[in-house]
Protein backbone atom coordinates (compact mmCIF):
# COMPACT_ATOMS: atom_id res chain seq x y z
CA MET A 1 0.00 0.00 0.00
CA GLY A 2 1.32 3.44 -0.90
CA MET A 3 3.42 5.01 -3.62
CA TRP A 4 7.15 5.23 -4.13
CA ILE A 5 8.49 8.68 -3.18
CA GLY A 6 12.09 7.71 -3.86
CA ARG A 7 14.41 4.73 -3.76
CA ASN A 8 13.40 2.23 -1.07
CA ARG A 9 10.81 4.58 0.43
CA LYS A 10 7.03 4.43 0.11
CA ALA A 11 4.37 6.83 1.38
CA ARG A 12 0.62 6.47 1.69
CA VAL A 13 -1.71 8.75 -0.22
CA THR A 14 -4.01 10.48 2.28
CA TYR A 15 -7.04 12.75 1.93
CA GLY A 16 -8.54 15.86 3.47
CA PHE A 17 -12.05 17.28 3.36
CA ASP A 18 -11.61 19.19 0.10
CA GLU A 19 -10.63 16.02 -1.78
CA ILE A 20 -13.73 13.91 -1.18
CA ALA A 21 -17.50 14.11 -1.60
CA LEU A 22 -20.52 12.22 -0.27
CA VAL A 23 -22.79 10.36 -2.68
CA PRO A 24 -26.59 10.90 -2.38
CA GLY A 25 -28.52 7.81 -1.34
CA GLN A 26 -31.15 5.74 -3.12
CA VAL A 27 -33.61 6.65 -0.38
CA THR A 28 -33.97 10.12 1.13
CA ILE A 29 -35.35 11.08 4.53
CA ASN A 30 -37.07 14.18 5.87
CA PRO A 31 -34.24 16.09 7.61
CA ASN A 32 -36.57 16.83 10.52
CA GLU A 33 -36.83 13.09 11.22
CA VAL A 34 -33.15 12.12 11.48
CA ASP A 35 -31.43 11.47 14.83
CA THR A 36 -28.29 13.52 15.52
CA ARG A 37 -27.77 12.43 19.12
CA PHE A 38 -24.28 11.78 20.48
CA VAL A 39 -23.59 9.86 23.70
CA ILE A 40 -20.53 9.67 25.92
CA PRO A 41 -20.29 6.40 27.88
CA ARG A 42 -19.97 6.38 31.66
CA LYS A 43 -18.30 3.67 33.72
CA ASP A 44 -21.59 2.42 35.16
CA GLY A 45 -23.03 1.73 31.70
CA SER A 46 -25.15 4.88 31.57
CA THR A 47 -24.41 7.69 29.14
CA LEU A 48 -24.17 11.45 28.88
CA LYS A 49 -26.54 12.43 26.10
CA LEU A 50 -26.10 15.37 23.71
CA THR A 51 -28.80 16.24 21.19
CA ILE A 52 -26.22 17.41 18.65
CA PRO A 53 -22.84 15.79 17.85
CA ILE A 54 -20.81 18.96 18.27
CA LEU A 55 -18.24 20.01 20.89
CA ALA A 56 -16.58 23.41 21.18
CA SER A 57 -12.78 23.39 21.39
CA ALA A 58 -11.03 24.17 24.66
CA MET A 59 -9.46 27.40 23.43
CA ASP A 60 -9.48 30.66 25.34
CA GLY A 61 -10.81 32.64 22.39
CA VAL A 62 -13.76 30.27 22.07
CA VAL A 63 -14.91 28.93 25.44
CA ASP A 64 -15.46 30.70 28.74
CA VAL A 65 -18.14 30.03 31.37
CA PRO A 66 -21.00 31.96 29.66
CA PHE A 67 -20.21 30.32 26.32
CA ALA A 68 -20.13 26.85 27.89
CA ILE A 69 -23.51 27.49 29.50
CA GLU A 70 -25.08 28.66 26.24
CA MET A 71 -23.60 25.73 24.31
CA GLY A 72 -25.00 23.31 26.88
CA LYS A 73 -28.46 24.86 26.70
CA LEU A 74 -28.40 24.41 22.91
CA GLY A 75 -27.65 20.67 23.19
CA GLY A 76 -23.90 20.60 22.61
CA LEU A 77 -20.86 20.56 24.87
CA ALA A 78 -18.16 23.19 25.30
CA VAL A 79 -14.81 22.25 26.83
CA LEU A 80 -13.17 24.78 29.16
CA ASN A 81 -9.37 24.95 29.17
CA LEU A 82 -8.16 24.54 32.76
CA GLU A 83 -4.75 25.94 31.84
CA GLY A 84 -6.01 29.08 30.15
CA VAL A 85 -6.80 32.62 31.24
CA GLN A 86 -10.07 31.54 32.88
CA THR A 87 -8.18 29.71 35.61
CA ARG A 88 -5.11 31.94 35.80
CA TYR A 89 -6.91 35.24 36.31
CA LYS A 90 -9.93 36.23 38.40
CA ASN A 91 -10.81 38.82 35.76
CA PRO A 92 -9.91 37.17 32.44
CA GLN A 93 -11.74 39.82 30.39
CA GLU A 94 -8.98 42.36 31.09
CA VAL A 95 -6.34 39.91 29.89
CA LEU A 96 -8.30 38.99 26.77
CA HIS A 97 -8.65 42.67 25.90
CA LYS A 98 -4.84 43.00 25.90
CA VAL A 99 -4.51 40.00 23.60
CA LEU A 100 -7.05 41.38 21.15
CA GLN A 101 -5.40 44.81 21.07
CA ALA A 102 -1.84 43.53 20.61
CA ASP A 103 0.00 43.97 17.31
CA LYS A 104 0.26 40.76 15.32
CA ASN A 105 4.06 40.85 15.57
CA GLU A 106 3.93 41.09 19.36
CA VAL A 107 0.95 38.92 20.28
CA THR A 108 2.85 35.62 20.62
CA GLY A 109 5.29 37.15 23.09
CA LEU A 110 2.41 38.67 25.01
CA LEU A 111 0.61 35.33 25.19
CA GLN A 112 3.77 33.63 26.44
CA LYS A 113 3.97 36.21 29.24
CA ILE A 114 0.26 35.98 30.10
CA TYR A 115 0.36 32.18 30.38
CA GLN A 116 3.32 32.28 32.76
CA GLU A 117 0.90 33.26 35.54
CA PRO A 118 0.21 30.11 37.59
CA VAL A 119 -3.14 28.33 37.46
CA GLN A 120 -5.21 28.95 40.60
CA GLU A 121 -6.77 25.72 41.83
CA THR A 122 -9.60 27.63 43.50
CA LEU A 123 -10.55 29.09 40.11
CA ILE A 124 -10.74 25.59 38.59
CA ALA A 125 -13.40 24.59 41.10
CA ALA A 126 -15.16 27.94 40.80
CA ARG A 127 -15.45 27.79 37.01
CA VAL A 128 -16.79 24.24 37.08
CA ARG A 129 -19.39 25.16 39.69
CA GLN A 130 -20.48 28.20 37.68
CA ILE A 131 -21.22 25.97 34.69
CA LYS A 132 -22.97 23.33 36.80
CA ASP A 133 -25.08 25.92 38.61
CA ALA A 134 -26.58 26.81 35.22
CA GLY A 135 -27.91 23.26 34.88
CA VAL A 136 -25.72 22.06 31.99
CA LEU A 137 -22.91 19.53 31.59
CA ALA A 138 -19.42 20.74 32.48
CA ALA A 139 -16.44 19.54 30.43
CA VAL A 140 -12.87 20.66 31.15
CA SER A 141 -9.41 19.87 29.79
CA SER A 142 -5.72 19.90 30.67
CA ILE A 143 -2.43 18.55 29.38
CA PRO A 144 -1.30 15.08 30.57
CA GLN A 145 1.27 16.47 33.04
CA LYS A 146 -1.45 18.27 35.02
CA ALA A 147 -4.30 15.79 34.51
CA ALA A 148 -3.92 13.87 37.78
CA LEU A 149 -4.08 17.04 39.89
CA TYR A 150 -6.66 19.00 37.94
CA GLY A 151 -8.80 15.95 37.25
CA LYS A 152 -9.49 15.38 40.94
CA ILE A 153 -10.22 19.06 41.56
CA ALA A 154 -12.63 19.19 38.63
CA GLU A 155 -14.29 15.93 39.63
CA GLU A 156 -14.88 17.12 43.19
CA ALA A 157 -16.32 20.38 41.87
CA GLY A 158 -18.88 18.45 39.82
CA ALA A 159 -17.39 18.23 36.33
CA ASP A 160 -19.05 15.69 34.03
CA VAL A 161 -16.24 15.08 31.53
CA PHE A 162 -12.46 15.45 31.71
CA VAL A 163 -10.42 15.84 28.52
CA VAL A 164 -6.70 15.11 28.43
CA GLN A 165 -5.29 16.92 25.43
CA SER A 166 -1.85 17.22 23.87
CA THR A 167 -0.39 17.69 20.40
CA VAL A 168 0.11 13.93 20.10
CA SER A 169 -1.30 11.38 22.56
CA THR A 170 0.11 7.90 23.10
CA VAL A 171 -0.12 5.32 25.86
CA LYS A 172 3.63 4.74 25.73
CA HIS A 173 5.40 8.03 26.50
CA ILE A 174 9.09 7.89 27.45
CA SER A 175 10.64 10.59 29.61
CA THR A 176 13.42 10.75 32.19
CA GLU A 177 12.66 14.40 33.07
CA TYR A 178 9.15 13.98 34.40
CA GLU A 179 6.66 11.27 35.33
CA SER A 180 4.37 10.29 32.47
CA LEU A 181 0.62 10.03 32.98
CA ASP A 182 -0.50 6.47 33.59
CA LEU A 183 -3.61 6.75 31.46
CA ALA A 184 -5.15 3.42 32.49
CA LYS A 185 -4.76 4.26 36.18
CA PHE A 186 -6.07 7.79 35.61
CA CYS A 187 -9.20 6.45 33.92
CA ARG A 188 -9.72 3.93 36.76
CA ASP A 189 -9.26 6.50 39.50
CA LEU A 190 -11.51 9.16 38.02
CA SER A 191 -15.23 8.48 38.32
CA ILE A 192 -16.18 10.70 35.37
CA PRO A 193 -15.63 9.92 31.65
CA VAL A 194 -12.16 10.69 30.28
CA ILE A 195 -11.68 11.75 26.68
CA ILE A 196 -8.13 11.82 25.33
CA GLY A 197 -6.51 13.37 22.29
CA ASN A 198 -5.06 13.76 19.92
CA ALA A 199 -4.44 10.71 17.74
CA VAL A 200 -4.45 9.99 14.01
CA SER A 201 -3.59 6.30 13.64
CA TYR A 202 -5.28 2.92 14.01
CA ASP A 203 -2.79 1.37 16.45
CA VAL A 204 -2.59 4.35 18.80
CA THR A 205 -6.37 4.73 18.91
CA LEU A 206 -6.74 1.05 19.77
CA GLU A 207 -4.20 1.31 22.60
CA LEU A 208 -5.90 4.43 24.00
CA MET A 209 -9.26 2.65 24.03
CA GLU A 210 -7.77 -0.30 25.86
CA CYS A 211 -6.92 2.08 28.72
CA GLY A 212 -10.59 2.68 29.45
CA VAL A 213 -11.12 6.08 27.87
CA ALA A 214 -14.63 7.28 27.02
CA GLY A 215 -13.65 8.89 23.73
CA VAL A 216 -10.70 9.76 21.50
CA LEU A 217 -10.07 13.09 19.76
CA ILE A 218 -8.80 12.70 16.19
CA GLY A 219 -6.52 15.19 14.48
CA VAL A 220 -2.98 16.58 14.63
CA GLY A 221 -2.47 20.10 13.34
CA PRO A 222 -5.59 20.79 11.22
CA GLY A 223 -7.01 23.62 13.35
CA ALA A 224 -7.30 27.09 11.81
CA ALA A 225 -5.06 28.64 14.49
CA CYS A 226 -2.64 25.69 14.77
CA THR A 227 0.80 25.81 13.13
CA SER A 228 2.07 22.37 14.21
CA ARG A 229 2.10 21.11 10.63
CA GLY A 230 4.41 23.95 9.61
CA VAL A 231 6.52 24.10 12.76
CA LEU A 232 6.90 20.35 13.30
CA GLY A 233 5.93 18.82 9.95
CA LEU A 234 3.45 16.56 11.76
CA GLY A 235 -0.06 15.62 10.76
CA VAL A 236 -2.40 13.41 8.77
CA PRO A 237 -5.26 14.90 6.71
CA GLN A 238 -8.52 14.56 8.60
CA VAL A 239 -10.42 12.28 6.23
CA THR A 240 -7.75 9.58 6.34
CA ALA A 241 -7.14 10.06 10.07
CA THR A 242 -10.86 9.73 10.83
CA VAL A 243 -11.32 6.63 8.66
CA ASP A 244 -8.29 4.90 10.21
CA CYS A 245 -9.34 5.68 13.78
CA ALA A 246 -12.96 4.68 13.09
CA ALA A 247 -11.65 1.30 11.98
CA ALA A 248 -9.86 0.97 15.33
CA ARG A 249 -13.06 1.87 17.18
CA ASP A 250 -15.03 -0.76 15.28
CA ALA A 251 -12.35 -3.41 15.86
CA PHE A 252 -12.32 -2.59 19.59
CA HIS A 253 -16.11 -2.78 19.74
CA LYS A 254 -16.12 -6.15 17.99
CA LYS A 255 -13.47 -7.49 20.36
CA THR A 256 -14.80 -6.13 23.67
CA GLY A 257 -18.43 -5.17 23.10
CA ARG A 258 -17.61 -1.65 24.31
CA TYR A 259 -18.27 1.21 21.89
CA VAL A 260 -15.85 4.11 22.39
CA PRO A 261 -16.73 7.13 20.25
CA ILE A 262 -14.19 9.05 18.21
CA ILE A 263 -14.41 12.82 17.78
CA THR A 264 -12.83 14.51 14.77
CA ASP A 265 -11.07 17.57 16.17
CA GLY A 266 -10.18 20.54 13.96
CA GLY A 267 -9.96 21.41 10.28
CA MET A 268 -13.71 21.94 9.79
CA ARG A 269 -14.86 25.39 8.73
CA THR A 270 -18.23 24.66 7.16
CA GLY A 271 -21.24 22.42 7.56
CA GLY A 272 -19.99 20.41 4.60
CA ASP A 273 -16.72 19.65 6.40
CA VAL A 274 -18.63 18.53 9.49
CA CYS A 275 -20.85 16.26 7.39
CA LYS A 276 -17.80 14.68 5.75
CA ALA A 277 -16.16 14.05 9.12
CA LEU A 278 -19.25 12.23 10.40
CA ALA A 279 -19.66 10.27 7.18
CA CYS A 280 -16.02 9.18 7.40
CA GLY A 281 -16.80 7.46 10.70
CA SER A 282 -16.68 10.10 13.40
CA ASP A 283 -19.32 10.03 16.13
CA ALA A 284 -19.05 13.76 16.80
CA VAL A 285 -16.85 16.72 15.92
CA MET A 286 -14.92 19.31 17.91
CA ILE A 287 -14.61 22.70 16.25
CA GLY A 288 -13.17 26.08 17.17
CA SER A 289 -13.02 28.74 14.49
CA PRO A 290 -16.73 28.60 13.51
CA PHE A 291 -17.62 29.18 17.18
CA ALA A 292 -15.05 31.95 17.52
CA LYS A 293 -17.42 33.90 15.24
CA ALA A 294 -20.22 33.73 17.80
CA GLN A 295 -21.23 36.85 19.69
CA GLU A 296 -20.83 34.89 22.93
CA ALA A 297 -17.21 33.88 22.21
CA PRO A 298 -14.72 35.55 24.61
CA GLY A 299 -12.24 36.21 21.78
CA GLN A 300 -14.63 38.66 20.11
CA GLY A 301 -13.96 37.30 16.63
CA HIS A 302 -10.39 36.12 17.34
CA HIS A 303 -8.91 32.88 18.59
CA TRP A 304 -5.56 31.18 19.06
CA GLY A 305 -4.40 27.60 19.42
CA MET A 306 -3.70 25.99 22.78
CA ALA A 307 0.02 25.72 21.92
CA THR A 308 0.32 29.36 20.80
CA PRO A 309 1.71 30.55 24.19
CA HIS A 310 4.23 27.68 24.48
CA ALA A 311 7.26 29.13 26.24
CA ASN A 312 9.85 27.51 23.97
CA LEU A 313 8.23 26.44 20.67
CA PRO A 314 4.92 28.15 19.89
CA ARG A 315 2.76 26.11 17.52
CA GLY A 316 -0.17 28.41 16.91
CA THR A 317 -1.12 31.95 16.05
CA ARG A 318 -3.87 34.44 16.75
CA ILE A 319 -6.30 34.62 13.85
CA LYS A 320 -9.22 36.94 13.16
CA VAL A 321 -12.43 35.30 11.98
CA GLY A 322 -14.85 38.12 12.74
CA THR A 323 -18.22 37.96 14.49
CA THR A 324 -21.21 36.89 12.42
CA GLY A 325 -24.03 36.22 14.88
CA PRO A 326 -25.18 34.48 18.06
CA LEU A 327 -24.18 30.90 18.82
CA LYS A 328 -27.73 29.71 18.24
CA GLN A 329 -27.62 31.04 14.68
CA ILE A 330 -24.28 29.37 13.98
CA LEU A 331 -25.68 26.06 15.19
CA PHE A 332 -29.29 26.20 14.01
CA GLY A 333 -29.63 29.15 11.65
CA PRO A 334 -31.20 30.76 9.85
CA ALA A 335 -27.93 31.36 8.03
CA SER A 336 -27.17 34.93 7.01
CA VAL A 337 -24.01 34.05 5.07
CA ASP A 338 -23.52 31.80 2.04
CA ASP A 339 -20.24 30.12 3.00
CA GLY A 340 -21.63 27.26 5.10
CA SER A 341 -20.31 28.57 8.42
CA GLU A 342 -23.80 28.99 9.92
CA ASN A 343 -26.63 26.52 10.62
CA LEU A 344 -24.20 23.65 11.11
CA VAL A 345 -26.87 21.37 12.55
CA GLY A 346 -29.14 22.13 9.60
CA ALA A 347 -26.33 21.07 7.28
CA ILE A 348 -25.94 17.79 9.16
CA THR A 349 -29.65 16.92 9.13
CA THR A 350 -30.09 17.93 5.48
CA CYS A 351 -27.07 15.89 4.39
CA MET A 352 -28.21 12.90 6.45
CA GLY A 353 -31.60 13.13 4.80
CA ASN A 354 -30.11 13.27 1.33
CA VAL A 355 -27.89 10.21 1.84
CA GLY A 356 -30.73 8.33 3.51
CA ALA A 357 -29.20 8.09 6.99
CA ALA A 358 -31.62 8.09 9.92
CA SER A 359 -28.86 8.14 12.56
CA ILE A 360 -25.19 9.04 12.92
CA ARG A 361 -24.31 5.32 12.82
CA GLU A 362 -26.07 5.01 9.46
CA PHE A 363 -24.44 8.24 8.29
CA GLN A 364 -21.05 6.58 8.87
CA GLU A 365 -21.90 4.10 6.10
CA THR A 366 -22.33 6.79 3.43
CA GLU A 367 -20.63 6.16 0.08
CA ILE A 368 -17.59 8.41 -0.29
CA ILE A 369 -15.80 9.31 -3.52
CA ILE A 370 -12.43 10.91 -4.21
CA ALA A 371 -13.42 14.17 -5.88
CA PRO A 372 -10.69 16.81 -6.15
CA SER A 373 -12.87 18.90 -8.49
CA ILE A 374 -15.94 18.86 -6.24
CA LYS A 375 -15.48 22.45 -5.11
CA THR A 376 -14.40 23.99 -8.40
CA GLU A 377 -16.63 22.24 -10.95
CA GLY A 378 -19.03 24.82 -12.39
CA LYS A 379 -17.99 27.43 -9.80
CA LEU A 380 -16.00 29.80 -12.04
CA PHE A 381 -18.17 32.85 -11.38
CA GLN A 382 -18.06 32.28 -7.62
CA THR A 383 -14.28 32.00 -7.74
CA VAL A 384 -13.81 35.11 -9.88
CA GLN A 385 -16.18 37.14 -7.70
CA SER A 386 -14.91 35.67 -4.39
CA VAL A 387 -18.39 34.73 -3.20
CA GLY A 388 -19.93 31.48 -1.94
CA MET A 389 -17.59 28.53 -2.54
CA GLY A 390 -15.12 30.86 -4.25
CA THR A 391 -14.13 32.48 -0.95
CA ARG A 392 -12.04 29.54 0.30
């Protein structure tokens, strides 16, 4: 499998969202009658139920407490970054204002300085309780090195989901400088579901699932504000990564009887991208930049990757996406723009109806074709005028 790229060296051909298309089905369904629910398994066999298969990324320009509450009320789940400005500062709005006003040539240095302030454990508990007091699910995240400490604090405060997130996640991490997270033990010790990311391969996804996780985030470097692919040269296009990891999920389910969902994380700007991710085998998606456009987003039309403030090797940048409307409009419409960045749930249900899928599981069986001309065929006027599909 693969193609020769030189003497004695082969490489696989991989695909991203712009290179494939979904084939309409022989039977179509009323979009109002399809089931978009997404469930996160608990240890006791029960589940956390979301009415829409969409999570908001744990980025400081996207998720704060008010945003998480609104996302929860709308049926989704927003993940709060426990190592961001919300837990380092009692008044994060002042800090965010400085970030938004900074010159683009100085903003990375400013972020590095801002994120040197230590995380306050009391603020972790306070933020979780604020979300829970609103009557919605609370999901929080940290890097592996802090997961054991922050996980217990968040759990005691009432968090429903804990996400362990790093550029690349593996079960086998070798280090002589610090103690690696024992993922299996962490999942056993924590009573709430643990989602881990990020992964892009079959074998790694399988090993992560064997540790008892409740979900795996899929994607390395595809996010709009992430520069890992340029800085490190790492990454696998999201279509191939999702298909490979979905195969691992299905193999694990067949072997153990336990279904562990995968969540495609990053690289999706439009409803069409989200639909393709689900059709490629994902159970849900995690997105950032489309939500950064919401009026409720703390970044006020800007956002930056979680690795942007890295003290030694920043792998992200601040980007401006603008503000287009309230979160409800971005999720459920009516859309006021023609680029597919609003009414994401409407795009999912309409696409499911057109391929004849009554549920997300059925959607995962959609016929997929390699179609590099799918976005340009017949779209000359849009491209010339920079409107619609010609704006990308």
